[in-house]
N, C-alpha and C. Protein backbone atom coordinates (compact mmCIF):
# COMPACT_ATOMS: atom_id res chain seq x y z
N UNK A 1 6.70 -13.28 -33.71
CA UNK A 1 6.20 -13.77 -32.46
C UNK A 1 6.18 -12.61 -31.45
N UNK A 2 5.11 -12.51 -30.68
CA UNK A 2 4.94 -11.44 -29.71
C UNK A 2 5.79 -11.70 -28.46
N UNK A 3 6.26 -10.63 -27.84
CA UNK A 3 7.05 -10.76 -26.61
C UNK A 3 6.21 -10.48 -25.38
N UNK A 4 4.90 -10.41 -25.54
CA UNK A 4 4.00 -10.15 -24.42
C UNK A 4 4.07 -11.28 -23.41
N UNK A 5 4.22 -10.92 -22.14
CA UNK A 5 4.22 -11.91 -21.06
C UNK A 5 3.01 -11.67 -20.19
N UNK A 6 2.20 -12.69 -20.03
CA UNK A 6 1.01 -12.58 -19.20
C UNK A 6 1.44 -12.35 -17.75
N UNK A 7 0.86 -11.32 -17.09
CA UNK A 7 1.25 -11.07 -15.69
C UNK A 7 0.79 -12.20 -14.78
N UNK A 8 1.63 -12.51 -13.83
CA UNK A 8 1.31 -13.53 -12.85
C UNK A 8 0.32 -12.95 -11.85
N UNK A 9 -0.69 -13.72 -11.46
CA UNK A 9 -1.69 -13.20 -10.53
C UNK A 9 -1.08 -12.83 -9.18
N UNK A 10 0.03 -13.42 -8.82
CA UNK A 10 0.69 -13.10 -7.55
C UNK A 10 1.33 -11.72 -7.56
N UNK A 11 1.54 -11.14 -8.76
CA UNK A 11 2.13 -9.80 -8.84
C UNK A 11 1.20 -8.73 -8.28
N UNK A 12 -0.10 -9.03 -8.22
CA UNK A 12 -1.07 -8.04 -7.74
C UNK A 12 -1.16 -7.99 -6.22
N UNK A 13 -0.62 -8.96 -5.55
CA UNK A 13 -0.71 -9.03 -4.10
C UNK A 13 0.22 -7.99 -3.48
N UNK A 14 -0.31 -7.25 -2.52
CA UNK A 14 0.50 -6.26 -1.81
C UNK A 14 1.42 -6.98 -0.83
N UNK A 15 2.66 -6.62 -0.87
CA UNK A 15 3.62 -7.23 0.04
C UNK A 15 3.37 -6.72 1.47
N UNK A 16 3.62 -7.55 2.47
CA UNK A 16 3.40 -7.11 3.85
C UNK A 16 4.38 -6.00 4.24
N UNK A 17 3.99 -5.22 5.22
CA UNK A 17 4.85 -4.14 5.70
C UNK A 17 6.03 -4.72 6.46
N UNK A 18 7.17 -4.03 6.34
CA UNK A 18 8.27 -4.34 7.24
C UNK A 18 8.00 -3.58 8.54
N UNK A 19 8.81 -3.79 9.55
CA UNK A 19 8.56 -3.19 10.86
C UNK A 19 8.56 -1.67 10.79
N UNK A 20 9.48 -1.11 10.05
CA UNK A 20 9.57 0.35 9.97
C UNK A 20 8.31 0.95 9.33
N UNK A 21 7.85 0.36 8.23
CA UNK A 21 6.66 0.86 7.56
C UNK A 21 5.43 0.69 8.45
N UNK A 22 5.34 -0.43 9.15
CA UNK A 22 4.22 -0.65 10.05
C UNK A 22 4.19 0.39 11.17
N UNK A 23 5.35 0.72 11.70
CA UNK A 23 5.43 1.74 12.76
C UNK A 23 5.02 3.12 12.22
N UNK A 24 5.45 3.44 11.00
CA UNK A 24 5.08 4.72 10.40
C UNK A 24 3.57 4.81 10.19
N UNK A 25 2.98 3.72 9.71
CA UNK A 25 1.53 3.70 9.51
C UNK A 25 0.78 3.78 10.84
N UNK A 26 1.28 3.10 11.85
CA UNK A 26 0.64 3.13 13.17
C UNK A 26 0.71 4.52 13.78
N UNK A 27 1.73 5.28 13.46
CA UNK A 27 1.87 6.63 14.02
C UNK A 27 0.81 7.58 13.46
N UNK A 28 0.17 7.19 12.36
CA UNK A 28 -0.90 8.02 11.79
C UNK A 28 -2.22 7.85 12.52
N UNK A 29 -2.33 6.83 13.35
CA UNK A 29 -3.57 6.55 14.09
C UNK A 29 -3.89 7.70 15.03
N UNK A 30 -5.16 8.07 15.08
CA UNK A 30 -5.59 9.17 15.95
C UNK A 30 -5.86 8.73 17.37
N UNK A 31 -5.76 7.44 17.66
CA UNK A 31 -6.00 6.87 18.98
C UNK A 31 -7.38 7.26 19.53
N UNK A 32 -8.39 7.06 18.71
CA UNK A 32 -9.76 7.37 19.11
C UNK A 32 -10.17 6.52 20.31
N UNK A 33 -10.93 7.12 21.21
CA UNK A 33 -11.39 6.38 22.38
C UNK A 33 -12.35 5.25 22.00
N UNK A 34 -13.25 5.52 21.06
CA UNK A 34 -14.24 4.51 20.68
C UNK A 34 -13.79 3.65 19.51
N UNK A 35 -12.65 3.90 18.92
CA UNK A 35 -12.03 3.13 17.83
C UNK A 35 -13.03 2.67 16.76
N UNK A 36 -13.47 3.60 15.90
CA UNK A 36 -14.42 3.22 14.85
C UNK A 36 -13.86 2.17 13.89
N UNK A 37 -12.55 2.09 13.78
CA UNK A 37 -11.96 1.06 12.90
C UNK A 37 -12.25 -0.34 13.45
N UNK A 38 -12.27 -0.48 14.77
CA UNK A 38 -12.56 -1.77 15.38
C UNK A 38 -14.03 -2.13 15.25
N UNK A 39 -14.90 -1.15 15.40
CA UNK A 39 -16.34 -1.42 15.28
C UNK A 39 -16.72 -1.77 13.86
N UNK A 40 -16.08 -1.14 12.88
CA UNK A 40 -16.46 -1.32 11.48
C UNK A 40 -15.66 -2.40 10.76
N UNK A 41 -14.76 -3.06 11.43
CA UNK A 41 -13.90 -4.06 10.78
C UNK A 41 -14.75 -5.24 10.29
N UNK A 42 -14.77 -5.50 8.97
CA UNK A 42 -15.58 -6.59 8.45
C UNK A 42 -15.06 -7.97 8.84
N UNK A 43 -13.80 -8.06 9.19
CA UNK A 43 -13.21 -9.35 9.57
C UNK A 43 -13.44 -9.68 11.03
N UNK A 44 -13.96 -8.73 11.79
CA UNK A 44 -14.22 -8.96 13.21
C UNK A 44 -12.97 -8.94 14.07
N UNK A 45 -11.90 -8.36 13.56
CA UNK A 45 -10.68 -8.24 14.34
C UNK A 45 -10.69 -6.94 15.12
N UNK A 46 -9.65 -6.66 15.84
CA UNK A 46 -9.57 -5.44 16.63
C UNK A 46 -8.36 -4.62 16.18
N UNK A 47 -8.47 -3.95 15.03
CA UNK A 47 -7.32 -3.19 14.53
C UNK A 47 -6.89 -2.06 15.44
N UNK A 48 -7.83 -1.47 16.19
CA UNK A 48 -7.46 -0.38 17.10
C UNK A 48 -6.47 -0.82 18.15
N UNK A 49 -6.72 -1.97 18.77
CA UNK A 49 -5.79 -2.49 19.79
C UNK A 49 -4.46 -2.89 19.17
N UNK A 50 -4.52 -3.48 17.99
CA UNK A 50 -3.30 -3.89 17.32
C UNK A 50 -2.44 -2.68 16.98
N UNK A 51 -3.07 -1.64 16.44
CA UNK A 51 -2.33 -0.43 16.07
C UNK A 51 -1.72 0.23 17.31
N UNK A 52 -2.49 0.32 18.40
CA UNK A 52 -1.94 0.91 19.62
C UNK A 52 -0.78 0.09 20.16
N UNK A 53 -0.91 -1.23 20.12
CA UNK A 53 0.17 -2.09 20.60
C UNK A 53 1.42 -1.91 19.76
N UNK A 54 1.24 -1.80 18.47
CA UNK A 54 2.36 -1.61 17.56
C UNK A 54 2.99 -0.24 17.78
N UNK A 55 2.15 0.75 17.90
CA UNK A 55 2.65 2.13 18.04
C UNK A 55 3.46 2.31 19.31
N UNK A 56 3.01 1.68 20.39
CA UNK A 56 3.71 1.82 21.67
C UNK A 56 4.63 0.65 21.98
N UNK A 57 4.86 -0.17 20.96
CA UNK A 57 5.80 -1.31 21.03
C UNK A 57 5.50 -2.24 22.20
N UNK A 58 4.23 -2.53 22.41
CA UNK A 58 3.80 -3.44 23.46
C UNK A 58 3.73 -4.85 22.86
N UNK A 59 4.83 -5.57 22.90
CA UNK A 59 4.91 -6.87 22.26
C UNK A 59 4.03 -7.92 22.93
N UNK A 60 3.82 -7.80 24.24
CA UNK A 60 2.95 -8.76 24.93
C UNK A 60 1.52 -8.66 24.42
N UNK A 61 1.02 -7.45 24.26
CA UNK A 61 -0.34 -7.27 23.79
C UNK A 61 -0.47 -7.61 22.31
N UNK A 62 0.58 -7.39 21.54
CA UNK A 62 0.55 -7.72 20.12
C UNK A 62 0.27 -9.21 19.91
N UNK A 63 0.81 -10.04 20.75
CA UNK A 63 0.61 -11.48 20.59
C UNK A 63 -0.78 -11.92 21.03
N UNK A 64 -1.47 -11.10 21.84
CA UNK A 64 -2.78 -11.46 22.35
C UNK A 64 -3.94 -10.93 21.50
N UNK A 65 -3.66 -9.98 20.61
CA UNK A 65 -4.70 -9.37 19.80
C UNK A 65 -5.19 -10.38 18.77
N UNK A 66 -6.50 -10.52 18.68
CA UNK A 66 -7.11 -11.45 17.71
C UNK A 66 -6.88 -10.90 16.31
N UNK A 67 -6.22 -11.67 15.46
CA UNK A 67 -5.95 -11.21 14.10
C UNK A 67 -6.82 -11.91 13.07
N UNK A 68 -7.09 -13.19 13.22
CA UNK A 68 -7.95 -13.90 12.26
C UNK A 68 -8.71 -15.00 12.93
């Protein structure tokens, strides 16, 4: 009998960032004035504002940014 275990489809999902990892990723942002990431976002969200809010720890703005 084979010991092969079929992978669960949930194993492919990327786990969400913890706060530290999110802050490290936000620090890589170039803080562009025209924020091409926001213009090109296929979901219609505003990642530029979210990243800036996260980077500068602006919790009030984080709650106001449209995410979905």
